[in-house]
N, C-alpha and C. Protein backbone atom coordinates (compact mmCIF):
# COMPACT_ATOMS: atom_id res chain seq x y z
N ALA A 1 -112.45 191.43 10.16
CA ALA A 1 -112.96 192.49 11.63
C ALA A 1 -113.91 192.14 12.41
N LEU A 2 -115.49 191.91 11.70
CA LEU A 2 -116.42 191.87 11.94
C LEU A 2 -116.67 190.60 12.62
N ALA A 3 -115.55 190.08 12.45
CA ALA A 3 -116.17 188.25 13.19
C ALA A 3 -114.98 187.92 14.58
N ALA A 4 -114.53 188.99 14.45
CA ALA A 4 -113.96 189.74 15.93
C ALA A 4 -114.79 189.77 16.78
N LEU A 5 -115.31 191.49 16.60
CA LEU A 5 -116.38 191.78 17.09
C LEU A 5 -117.51 191.07 17.34
N LEU A 6 -117.53 189.83 17.01
CA LEU A 6 -119.00 188.85 17.13
C LEU A 6 -118.55 188.53 17.95
N ALA A 7 -117.06 187.82 18.10
CA ALA A 7 -116.67 186.38 18.72
C ALA A 7 -117.12 186.57 19.99
N GLY A 8 -117.30 184.77 20.78
CA GLY A 8 -117.87 185.33 21.97
C GLY A 8 -119.18 185.92 22.46
N ARG A 9 -120.16 186.21 21.74
CA ARG A 9 -121.19 187.33 21.67
C ARG A 9 -122.52 186.33 21.44
N ARG A 10 -123.33 186.27 22.23
CA ARG A 10 -124.74 185.40 22.30
C ARG A 10 -125.41 185.77 21.39
N ASP A 11 -126.29 184.41 20.85
CA ASP A 11 -127.11 185.33 19.74
C ASP A 11 -128.24 184.73 20.02
N LEU A 12 -128.60 186.89 20.53
CA LEU A 12 -129.98 187.17 21.51
C LEU A 12 -130.91 186.55 20.96
N ALA A 13 -132.00 186.11 19.99
CA ALA A 13 -132.42 185.77 19.27
C ALA A 13 -132.80 183.93 19.49
N LEU A 14 -131.61 183.39 19.63
CA LEU A 14 -131.40 181.51 19.70
C LEU A 14 -132.87 181.27 20.53
N HIS A 15 -133.52 180.59 19.38
CA HIS A 15 -134.81 179.62 20.00
C HIS A 15 -134.74 179.31 21.30
N ALA A 16 -133.39 178.34 21.08
CA ALA A 16 -133.43 176.95 22.90
C ALA A 16 -133.22 178.24 23.97
N ALA A 17 -132.96 179.21 23.84
CA ALA A 17 -132.75 180.97 25.11
C ALA A 17 -134.33 181.76 25.23
N GLY A 18 -134.67 180.87 24.64
CA GLY A 18 -136.31 181.64 24.80
C GLY A 18 -136.71 182.61 23.28
N GLY A 19 -135.76 182.66 23.00
CA GLY A 19 -136.02 183.72 21.58
C GLY A 19 -137.38 182.80 20.54
N ARG A 20 -138.17 184.18 20.36
CA ARG A 20 -139.05 183.95 19.67
C ARG A 20 -139.69 184.54 18.24
N VAL A 21 -140.65 183.60 17.28
CA VAL A 21 -140.95 184.88 16.01
C VAL A 21 -142.23 185.09 16.76
N VAL A 22 -142.55 186.24 16.26
CA VAL A 22 -143.64 186.56 17.74
C VAL A 22 -144.77 187.15 16.12
N GLY A 23 -144.37 187.43 15.30
CA GLY A 23 -145.60 187.74 13.71
C GLY A 23 -144.78 187.50 12.03
N HIS A 24 -145.66 187.39 11.50
CA HIS A 24 -144.77 187.59 9.93
C HIS A 24 -146.10 187.79 9.51
N SER A 25 -145.49 188.13 8.20
CA SER A 25 -146.55 188.35 7.13
C SER A 25 -147.15 187.38 6.16
N PRO A 26 -147.96 187.10 5.30
CA PRO A 26 -148.50 185.76 4.94
C PRO A 26 -146.91 185.25 3.94
N LEU A 27 -147.40 183.96 3.81
CA LEU A 27 -146.31 183.22 3.63
C LEU A 27 -146.99 182.80 1.83
N ALA A 28 -145.45 182.47 1.66
CA ALA A 28 -146.41 182.18 -0.08
C ALA A 28 -146.57 180.51 0.07
N GLY A 29 -147.51 179.87 -0.96
CA GLY A 29 -148.11 178.52 -1.00
C GLY A 29 -147.06 178.61 -2.21
N ALA A 30 -147.27 176.77 -2.45
CA ALA A 30 -146.89 176.38 -4.15
C ALA A 30 -146.63 177.41 -4.83
N GLY A 31 -145.67 177.72 -5.81
CA GLY A 31 -145.82 178.42 -6.88
C GLY A 31 -145.01 179.71 -6.15
N GLY A 32 -145.25 180.57 -5.12
CA GLY A 32 -145.08 181.69 -5.12
C GLY A 32 -145.73 182.19 -4.11
N GLU A 33 -147.12 181.76 -4.50
CA GLU A 33 -148.72 182.81 -4.32
C GLU A 33 -148.61 182.56 -3.20
N ALA A 34 -148.95 184.06 -2.90
CA ALA A 34 -149.51 184.10 -1.01
C ALA A 34 -150.96 182.92 -0.96
N SER A 35 -150.40 182.64 0.75
CA SER A 35 -151.44 181.51 0.76
C SER A 35 -152.85 181.46 2.10
N ALA A 36 -153.49 181.67 1.35
CA ALA A 36 -155.00 182.18 2.02
C ALA A 36 -155.19 181.13 3.18
N ALA A 37 -154.97 179.93 3.34
CA ALA A 37 -154.77 179.06 4.64
C ALA A 37 -154.02 179.47 5.39
N ALA A 38 -153.16 180.26 5.07
CA ALA A 38 -151.92 180.19 6.31
C ALA A 38 -152.40 180.90 7.20
N PRO A 39 -151.51 179.94 8.34
CA PRO A 39 -152.33 180.37 10.57
C PRO A 39 -151.60 181.62 10.47
N ALA A 40 -151.93 182.50 11.60
CA ALA A 40 -151.01 184.05 11.92
C ALA A 40 -149.83 183.34 12.45
N LEU A 41 -148.99 182.73 12.94
CA LEU A 41 -148.02 182.35 12.84
C LEU A 41 -147.78 180.68 12.79
N HIS A 42 -146.76 180.56 11.59
CA HIS A 42 -146.18 179.12 11.32
C HIS A 42 -145.80 178.27 12.36
N PRO A 43 -146.48 177.39 12.83
CA PRO A 43 -146.14 176.41 14.13
C PRO A 43 -144.10 176.38 14.36
N HIS A 44 -143.72 176.29 13.11
CA HIS A 44 -141.70 176.13 13.07
C HIS A 44 -141.53 177.49 13.20
N ALA A 45 -141.81 178.19 13.08
CA ALA A 45 -140.96 179.89 12.84
C ALA A 45 -140.15 179.96 13.29
N HIS A 46 -139.72 179.60 15.16
CA HIS A 46 -139.54 179.28 15.76
C HIS A 46 -138.34 179.05 15.69
N GLN A 47 -138.20 177.42 15.30
CA GLN A 47 -137.09 176.50 14.74
C GLN A 47 -136.31 176.87 13.87
N TRP A 48 -136.82 177.51 12.90
CA TRP A 48 -136.48 177.57 11.52
C TRP A 48 -135.74 178.77 11.46
N LEU A 49 -135.86 179.61 12.00
CA LEU A 49 -135.06 180.87 11.92
C LEU A 49 -134.44 181.37 13.10
N LEU A 50 -134.62 180.66 14.40
CA LEU A 50 -133.86 180.96 15.33
C LEU A 50 -132.75 180.04 15.69
N SER A 51 -133.10 178.63 15.28
CA SER A 51 -132.79 177.46 15.67
C SER A 51 -130.84 177.50 14.91
N PRO A 52 -130.44 176.75 15.21
CA PRO A 52 -128.77 175.71 14.16
C PRO A 52 -129.51 174.32 13.74
N PRO A 53 -129.52 174.19 12.73
CA PRO A 53 -130.09 172.72 12.39
C PRO A 53 -129.46 171.35 13.74
N PRO A 54 -130.13 170.94 13.54
CA PRO A 54 -130.13 169.97 14.43
C PRO A 54 -129.08 168.79 14.35
N GLY A 55 -128.21 167.89 15.00
CA GLY A 55 -127.70 167.03 14.71
C GLY A 55 -125.38 167.76 14.51
N GLY A 56 -125.75 169.17 14.43
CA GLY A 56 -124.69 169.47 13.93
C GLY A 56 -123.93 170.10 12.72
N VAL A 57 -125.42 169.62 12.00
CA VAL A 57 -124.98 170.02 10.18
C VAL A 57 -124.49 171.75 9.86
N PRO A 58 -123.34 171.77 9.78
CA PRO A 58 -123.38 173.25 9.54
C PRO A 58 -124.10 174.24 8.12
N LEU A 59 -125.88 173.57 8.38
CA LEU A 59 -126.19 174.37 7.59
C LEU A 59 -127.32 175.09 8.06
N PRO A 60 -128.22 176.13 7.63
CA PRO A 60 -129.09 176.53 8.01
C PRO A 60 -130.62 175.70 7.12
N GLY A 61 -131.56 175.82 8.68
CA GLY A 61 -132.29 174.32 8.27
C GLY A 61 -133.48 175.15 7.20
N ARG A 62 -134.69 175.00 7.73
CA ARG A 62 -135.94 174.87 6.78
C ARG A 62 -136.42 176.68 6.51
N CYS A 63 -136.77 176.49 5.56
CA CYS A 63 -137.21 178.38 4.63
C CYS A 63 -138.28 178.64 5.52
N LEU A 64 -138.83 179.75 6.03
CA LEU A 64 -140.28 180.58 6.02
C LEU A 64 -140.24 181.17 5.07
N PRO A 65 -140.96 181.58 3.90
CA PRO A 65 -141.44 181.48 3.05
C PRO A 65 -142.57 183.10 3.05
N LEU A 66 -141.77 183.82 2.63
CA LEU A 66 -142.15 185.24 2.99
C LEU A 66 -143.03 185.60 1.61
N ALA A 67 -144.72 185.36 1.62
CA ALA A 67 -144.63 185.68 0.09
C ALA A 67 -144.44 187.33 -0.42
N GLY A 68 -144.46 187.43 -1.59
CA GLY A 68 -143.87 188.48 -2.30
C GLY A 68 -141.99 188.87 -2.66
N ALA A 69 -141.89 190.18 -3.49
CA ALA A 69 -140.39 190.04 -3.32
C ALA A 69 -139.88 190.92 -2.06
N ALA A 70 -140.87 191.78 -2.17
CA ALA A 70 -140.58 192.74 -0.86
C ALA A 70 -141.70 193.20 -0.25
N GLY A 71 -141.94 194.01 0.96
CA GLY A 71 -143.14 193.73 1.88
C GLY A 71 -142.78 192.88 2.84
N GLY A 72 -142.56 191.58 2.71
CA GLY A 72 -142.38 190.53 3.73
C GLY A 72 -141.76 191.21 4.75
N TRP A 73 -142.11 190.31 6.23
CA TRP A 73 -141.32 191.09 7.54
C TRP A 73 -141.97 189.60 8.83
N VAL A 74 -140.64 189.82 9.11
CA VAL A 74 -141.19 188.46 10.41
C VAL A 74 -140.40 189.85 12.43
N GLU A 75 -140.89 189.08 13.14
CA GLU A 75 -140.64 190.04 14.36
C GLU A 75 -140.24 188.87 14.59
N VAL A 76 -139.24 189.09 15.87
CA VAL A 76 -138.09 188.65 17.26
C VAL A 76 -138.34 189.13 17.70
N ARG A 77 -138.93 188.17 18.93
CA ARG A 77 -139.04 188.48 20.47
C ARG A 77 -137.59 187.53 20.84
N LEU A 78 -136.60 188.89 21.51
CA LEU A 78 -135.32 188.33 21.76
C LEU A 78 -135.52 187.56 23.08
N ARG A 79 -134.64 187.01 23.26
CA ARG A 79 -134.14 185.70 24.53
C ARG A 79 -134.35 186.40 25.23
N VAL A 80 -135.53 185.62 26.77
CA VAL A 80 -135.43 186.50 28.17
C VAL A 80 -134.52 185.95 29.17
N PRO A 81 -133.84 187.13 29.57
CA PRO A 81 -133.04 186.04 30.53
C PRO A 81 -134.06 185.50 31.72
N SER A 82 -133.26 184.87 32.93
CA SER A 82 -134.00 183.97 34.22
C SER A 82 -134.02 185.20 34.86
N VAL A 83 -135.36 185.07 35.65
CA VAL A 83 -135.25 186.58 36.58
C VAL A 83 -136.61 185.47 37.47
N THR A 84 -136.56 186.59 38.71
CA THR A 84 -137.55 185.79 39.74
C THR A 84 -138.95 186.90 39.62
N THR A 85 -139.76 186.19 39.56
CA THR A 85 -141.24 187.63 39.64
C THR A 85 -141.34 188.75 40.36
N GLU A 86 -140.52 188.79 41.56
CA GLU A 86 -140.53 190.01 42.39
C GLU A 86 -139.16 190.65 41.23
N ALA A 87 -138.54 190.29 40.83
CA ALA A 87 -138.06 191.38 40.20
C ALA A 87 -138.28 192.20 39.27
N PRO A 88 -137.10 193.17 39.40
CA PRO A 88 -138.14 194.50 38.01
C PRO A 88 -137.48 193.71 36.43
N PRO A 89 -137.88 194.25 35.01
CA PRO A 89 -138.19 193.56 34.23
C PRO A 89 -136.62 193.92 34.05
N PRO A 90 -135.55 192.50 33.64
CA PRO A 90 -133.98 193.54 32.67
C PRO A 90 -134.40 194.16 31.74
N PRO A 91 -133.04 194.93 31.55
CA PRO A 91 -133.24 196.25 30.84
C PRO A 91 -132.77 195.73 29.37
N PRO A 92 -133.27 196.55 28.08
CA PRO A 92 -133.34 195.80 26.83
C PRO A 92 -132.24 195.95 26.80
N TYR A 93 -131.29 194.48 25.41
CA TYR A 93 -130.18 194.33 25.27
C TYR A 93 -130.17 195.26 24.12
N LEU A 94 -128.78 195.46 23.82
CA LEU A 94 -128.15 196.66 23.28
C LEU A 94 -127.34 195.85 21.77
N VAL A 95 -128.42 195.93 20.71
CA VAL A 95 -128.34 194.61 19.79
C VAL A 95 -127.90 195.94 18.65
N SER A 96 -126.83 195.55 17.87
CA SER A 96 -125.28 195.74 16.89
C SER A 96 -125.25 195.29 16.02
N ALA A 97 -125.52 193.80 15.72
CA ALA A 97 -125.50 193.52 14.34
C ALA A 97 -126.42 192.05 13.94
N ILE A 98 -127.01 191.97 12.53
CA ILE A 98 -127.45 191.24 12.49
C ILE A 98 -126.75 189.56 11.05
N THR A 99 -126.74 188.35 12.06
CA THR A 99 -126.69 187.30 10.58
C THR A 99 -127.42 186.56 10.09
N LEU A 100 -127.60 186.85 8.92
CA LEU A 100 -128.17 186.16 7.91
C LEU A 100 -127.60 184.74 6.77
N GLU A 101 -128.23 183.58 6.92
CA GLU A 101 -127.51 181.98 6.55
C GLU A 101 -128.55 181.84 6.18
N ALA A 102 -127.95 180.94 5.11
CA ALA A 102 -128.52 180.47 3.45
C ALA A 102 -127.67 179.14 3.53
N PRO A 103 -128.59 178.08 3.05
CA PRO A 103 -127.72 176.85 2.24
C PRO A 103 -127.21 177.38 1.23
N PRO A 104 -126.41 175.87 0.55
CA PRO A 104 -125.93 176.25 -0.70
C PRO A 104 -127.12 176.37 -1.79
N PRO A 105 -127.16 176.61 -2.93
CA PRO A 105 -128.25 176.54 -3.58
C PRO A 105 -129.16 175.55 -4.05
N ALA A 106 -128.52 174.18 -3.93
CA ALA A 106 -128.70 173.16 -4.24
C ALA A 106 -129.77 172.53 -3.58
N LEU A 107 -129.43 172.92 -1.85
CA LEU A 107 -130.10 172.33 -1.49
C LEU A 107 -131.42 173.59 -0.43
N SER A 108 -131.56 174.26 -0.91
CA SER A 108 -132.23 175.92 -0.51
C SER A 108 -133.76 175.06 -1.26
N PHE A 109 -134.64 176.57 -1.00
CA PHE A 109 -136.00 176.83 -1.76
C PHE A 109 -136.12 176.60 -2.90
N PRO A 110 -136.83 175.91 -3.49
CA PRO A 110 -137.24 175.04 -4.87
C PRO A 110 -136.40 176.27 -5.87
N GLU A 111 -136.68 178.07 -5.61
CA GLU A 111 -136.08 179.03 -6.54
C GLU A 111 -135.04 179.32 -6.51
N GLY A 112 -134.33 178.63 -5.33
CA GLY A 112 -132.55 178.84 -5.11
C GLY A 112 -132.47 180.38 -4.59
N ARG A 113 -131.58 181.25 -5.25
CA ARG A 113 -131.03 182.10 -5.14
C ARG A 113 -131.90 182.77 -5.38
N ALA A 114 -133.07 183.08 -6.36
CA ALA A 114 -133.50 184.06 -6.68
C ALA A 114 -134.92 184.79 -5.55
N ALA A 115 -134.80 183.90 -4.35
CA ALA A 115 -136.09 183.91 -3.14
C ALA A 115 -135.07 183.88 -2.21
N LEU A 116 -133.96 184.24 -1.83
CA LEU A 116 -133.12 184.77 -0.99
C LEU A 116 -133.03 186.31 -0.80
N PRO A 117 -133.26 186.85 -0.07
CA PRO A 117 -133.05 188.50 0.73
C PRO A 117 -132.29 188.66 -0.06
N SER A 118 -132.20 190.51 -0.71
CA SER A 118 -130.87 191.16 -1.20
C SER A 118 -130.59 192.69 0.28
N ARG A 119 -132.43 192.84 0.44
CA ARG A 119 -131.70 193.63 1.56
C ARG A 119 -133.10 193.88 2.46
N LEU A 120 -132.71 193.52 3.49
CA LEU A 120 -133.35 193.84 4.89
C LEU A 120 -133.69 195.02 5.50
N GLY A 121 -135.08 196.08 5.95
CA GLY A 121 -134.80 197.06 6.94
C GLY A 121 -134.38 196.51 8.34
N VAL A 122 -133.58 196.83 9.13
CA VAL A 122 -134.45 196.23 10.84
C VAL A 122 -134.66 197.48 11.72
N SER A 123 -135.88 196.96 12.71
CA SER A 123 -136.10 197.91 13.34
C SER A 123 -135.92 197.23 14.80
N LEU A 124 -136.03 198.40 15.76
CA LEU A 124 -135.55 198.02 17.00
C LEU A 124 -136.98 198.42 18.17
N SER A 125 -137.48 197.77 19.08
CA SER A 125 -138.60 197.95 20.08
C SER A 125 -137.87 197.58 21.15
N THR A 126 -138.25 198.21 22.07
CA THR A 126 -137.83 198.18 23.98
C THR A 126 -139.79 197.58 24.20
N ASP A 127 -140.99 197.89 23.01
CA ASP A 127 -142.00 197.30 23.58
C ASP A 127 -142.71 196.68 22.51
N ALA A 128 -142.19 196.60 21.66
CA ALA A 128 -142.85 195.50 20.82
C ALA A 128 -144.68 195.60 21.03
N THR A 129 -145.30 195.87 21.96
CA THR A 129 -146.33 196.13 21.53
C THR A 129 -146.63 197.30 21.66
N ASP A 130 -146.26 198.33 21.88
CA ASP A 130 -146.36 199.76 21.52
C ASP A 130 -146.19 200.44 20.85
N GLY A 131 -146.15 199.62 19.56
CA GLY A 131 -146.45 200.03 18.40
C GLY A 131 -145.12 200.75 17.93
N ARG A 132 -144.51 201.00 18.74
CA ARG A 132 -142.99 202.34 17.92
C ARG A 132 -141.74 201.44 18.02
N TRP A 133 -141.10 201.60 16.64
CA TRP A 133 -139.99 201.45 16.26
C TRP A 133 -138.77 201.67 15.63
N ALA A 134 -137.55 201.85 16.35
CA ALA A 134 -137.12 202.61 16.21
C ALA A 134 -135.96 202.16 14.05
N ASP A 135 -135.95 202.86 13.41
CA ASP A 135 -135.25 201.84 12.49
C ASP A 135 -133.57 201.96 13.03
N ALA A 136 -132.86 200.69 12.37
CA ALA A 136 -131.80 200.26 12.98
C ALA A 136 -130.96 200.36 11.42
N GLY A 137 -131.22 200.72 10.46
CA GLY A 137 -130.30 200.25 9.16
C GLY A 137 -131.11 199.34 8.20
N GLU A 138 -130.23 198.52 7.81
CA GLU A 138 -130.65 198.28 6.95
C GLU A 138 -129.59 196.82 6.48
N VAL A 139 -130.10 195.24 6.39
CA VAL A 139 -128.76 194.36 6.54
C VAL A 139 -128.77 193.86 4.24
N ALA A 140 -128.09 194.00 4.09
CA ALA A 140 -127.48 193.37 3.12
C ALA A 140 -127.15 192.30 2.32
N TYR A 141 -127.23 191.78 1.79
CA TYR A 141 -126.92 189.50 1.72
C TYR A 141 -126.52 189.80 0.10
N ASN A 142 -125.66 189.30 0.39
CA ASN A 142 -124.84 189.20 -1.31
C ASN A 142 -124.84 187.38 -2.01
N ALA A 143 -125.48 187.12 -2.23
CA ALA A 143 -126.29 185.84 -2.78
C ALA A 143 -125.59 185.35 -3.89
N SER A 144 -124.57 186.10 -4.30
CA SER A 144 -123.92 185.39 -5.07
C SER A 144 -122.21 184.95 -4.68
N ASP A 145 -122.52 185.39 -3.05
CA ASP A 145 -121.46 184.93 -2.43
C ASP A 145 -121.80 182.23 -2.17
N VAL A 146 -122.87 182.88 -2.38
CA VAL A 146 -123.63 181.58 -1.52
C VAL A 146 -122.98 180.67 -2.65
N ALA A 147 -122.13 179.67 -1.78
CA ALA A 147 -121.55 178.69 -3.12
C ALA A 147 -121.13 177.63 -2.55
N GLY A 148 -120.45 176.64 -3.46
CA GLY A 148 -120.33 175.45 -2.96
C GLY A 148 -121.18 174.52 -2.17
N LEU A 149 -120.96 173.75 -0.47
CA LEU A 149 -121.47 172.78 -0.32
C LEU A 149 -121.98 173.31 1.27
N THR A 150 -121.28 174.68 1.48
CA THR A 150 -121.17 175.00 3.30
C THR A 150 -122.30 175.95 2.90
N GLY A 151 -123.25 176.46 2.00
CA GLY A 151 -123.60 177.77 2.40
C GLY A 151 -123.32 178.84 3.10
N LEU A 152 -123.38 179.89 3.49
CA LEU A 152 -123.36 181.19 3.32
C LEU A 152 -123.82 181.96 4.93
N ALA A 153 -122.86 182.78 5.68
CA ALA A 153 -123.62 183.32 6.82
C ALA A 153 -123.18 184.66 6.52
N GLN A 154 -123.55 185.90 6.57
CA GLN A 154 -123.27 187.17 6.49
C GLN A 154 -123.20 188.01 7.47
N THR A 155 -122.60 188.69 8.08
CA THR A 155 -123.12 189.42 9.79
C THR A 155 -122.97 191.05 8.77
N THR A 156 -124.18 191.62 8.90
CA THR A 156 -124.40 193.16 9.13
C THR A 156 -124.19 193.87 10.30
N ARG A 157 -122.76 195.06 10.55
CA ARG A 157 -123.29 195.87 11.90
C ARG A 157 -124.38 196.59 11.41
N LEU A 158 -125.22 196.79 12.10
CA LEU A 158 -126.28 198.08 12.25
C LEU A 158 -125.71 199.12 12.39
N ALA A 159 -126.34 199.76 10.79
CA ALA A 159 -125.85 201.31 11.03
C ALA A 159 -126.56 202.16 12.18
N ALA A 160 -127.34 202.05 12.70
CA ALA A 160 -128.58 202.44 14.17
C ALA A 160 -127.88 201.61 15.87
N PRO A 161 -127.22 201.23 16.23
CA PRO A 161 -127.27 200.24 17.33
C PRO A 161 -128.48 200.96 18.33
N GLY A 162 -129.03 200.06 19.10
CA GLY A 162 -129.64 200.26 20.24
C GLY A 162 -130.13 199.42 21.13
N PRO A 163 -131.56 199.53 21.99
CA PRO A 163 -131.71 198.74 22.70
C PRO A 163 -132.75 198.22 22.46
N ALA A 164 -133.34 197.12 22.65
CA ALA A 164 -134.23 196.50 22.16
C ALA A 164 -134.44 195.02 22.85
N ARG A 165 -135.70 194.82 22.85
CA ARG A 165 -136.43 193.47 23.29
C ARG A 165 -137.07 192.41 22.46
N ALA A 166 -137.44 192.94 21.21
CA ALA A 166 -137.77 192.71 19.65
C ALA A 166 -137.14 193.44 19.07
N VAL A 167 -137.33 192.51 17.80
CA VAL A 167 -136.41 192.88 16.34
C VAL A 167 -137.57 192.86 14.91
N ARG A 168 -137.49 193.49 14.10
CA ARG A 168 -138.34 193.45 12.86
C ARG A 168 -137.37 193.27 11.51
N LEU A 169 -137.82 192.71 11.14
CA LEU A 169 -136.99 192.66 9.81
C LEU A 169 -138.03 192.69 8.71
N ARG A 170 -137.93 193.54 7.64
CA ARG A 170 -138.99 193.98 6.44
C ARG A 170 -138.16 193.70 4.97
N VAL A 171 -138.39 192.90 4.38
CA VAL A 171 -138.02 192.35 2.75
C VAL A 171 -138.15 193.78 2.15
N LEU A 172 -136.85 194.22 1.78
CA LEU A 172 -137.06 195.59 1.02
C LEU A 172 -137.01 195.24 -0.56
N ALA A 173 -135.72 194.32 -0.59
CA ALA A 173 -135.90 193.41 -2.11
C ALA A 173 -135.12 191.82 -2.14
N ASN A 174 -135.76 191.33 -2.81
CA ASN A 174 -135.01 189.60 -2.87
C ASN A 174 -133.97 189.55 -4.08
N GLN A 175 -133.59 188.51 -4.95
CA GLN A 175 -132.69 188.37 -5.08
C GLN A 175 -133.31 187.81 -7.02
N GLY A 176 -134.85 188.94 -6.78
CA GLY A 176 -135.31 188.36 -8.00
C GLY A 176 -136.04 187.86 -8.54
N HIS A 177 -136.55 186.81 -7.45
CA HIS A 177 -138.16 185.89 -7.46
C HIS A 177 -139.37 187.16 -7.39
N PRO A 178 -140.53 186.82 -8.23
CA PRO A 178 -141.31 187.77 -8.01
C PRO A 178 -142.73 187.49 -7.19
N GLY A 179 -141.83 186.22 -6.87
CA GLY A 179 -143.54 186.17 -6.08
C GLY A 179 -143.07 185.30 -4.29
N ALA A 180 -141.86 184.90 -3.52
CA ALA A 180 -141.37 184.45 -2.70
C ALA A 180 -140.01 185.24 -2.19
N THR A 181 -140.31 185.45 -0.96
CA THR A 181 -138.95 185.90 -0.52
C THR A 181 -138.43 185.04 0.86
N CYS A 182 -137.22 184.10 0.94
CA CYS A 182 -136.82 183.23 1.59
C CYS A 182 -136.17 183.32 3.01
N LEU A 183 -136.63 183.36 3.92
CA LEU A 183 -135.64 183.00 5.00
C LEU A 183 -134.86 182.20 5.52
N TYR A 184 -133.94 182.01 6.02
CA TYR A 184 -133.43 180.47 6.53
C TYR A 184 -133.26 180.66 7.67
N ARG A 185 -132.26 181.61 8.45
CA ARG A 185 -131.45 181.51 9.92
C ARG A 185 -131.62 182.79 9.82
N VAL A 186 -131.83 183.10 10.83
CA VAL A 186 -131.39 184.93 11.36
C VAL A 186 -130.64 185.14 13.12
N ARG A 187 -129.33 185.37 13.04
CA ARG A 187 -129.18 185.50 14.57
C ARG A 187 -129.04 186.96 14.69
N VAL A 188 -129.21 187.23 16.04
CA VAL A 188 -129.06 189.01 16.53
C VAL A 188 -127.95 188.83 17.66
N HIS A 189 -127.41 189.58 17.12
CA HIS A 189 -126.11 189.79 18.13
C HIS A 189 -126.21 191.19 19.06
N GLY A 190 -125.43 191.73 20.35
CA GLY A 190 -125.32 192.52 20.73
C GLY A 190 -124.83 192.21 21.95
N GLU A 191 -125.26 192.96 23.43
CA GLU A 191 -124.66 193.12 24.42
C GLU A 191 -125.84 193.19 25.76
N GLU A 192 -125.62 192.61 26.28
CA GLU A 192 -126.18 192.97 27.48
C GLU A 192 -126.31 193.99 28.58
């Protein structure tokens, strides 16, 4: 039923359409500990989280390894429609669902399933610069469904859909790894 709901809806965070990762918490270094030398924004965060894999391979790409089992976060600015400079800014999107994707365990982060998120909090903002975020609910990810060679995409309808120009995902828990939570591909669904 949810697949039918999302059929034909665009990915509002797609990097090729203007979606951008605008911030994230510290990244895990080798062995899962926080990296002291990590830049403020990983230079490949946009491509890794918001782009389909190259060559049409049906697996998500690289992992953005957030430090810790909980508390990490990622902020995504949704795609920006083409407008002229004289036009008023377009209205925010109505965000209603989030899809998380992961590759099969054999192709994932060295810690495999344990580093995948299990619960993410989702917040929405119409202007991320003002610091006001509305809680939109949680996204649960069942890593035991990640099997075989195809990986897994799980879509969750938000408990409180709402208007947004930006989305914040907060790691509430991962699948058991103490030092890192690995995010692969994120898609944001809704309507214009």
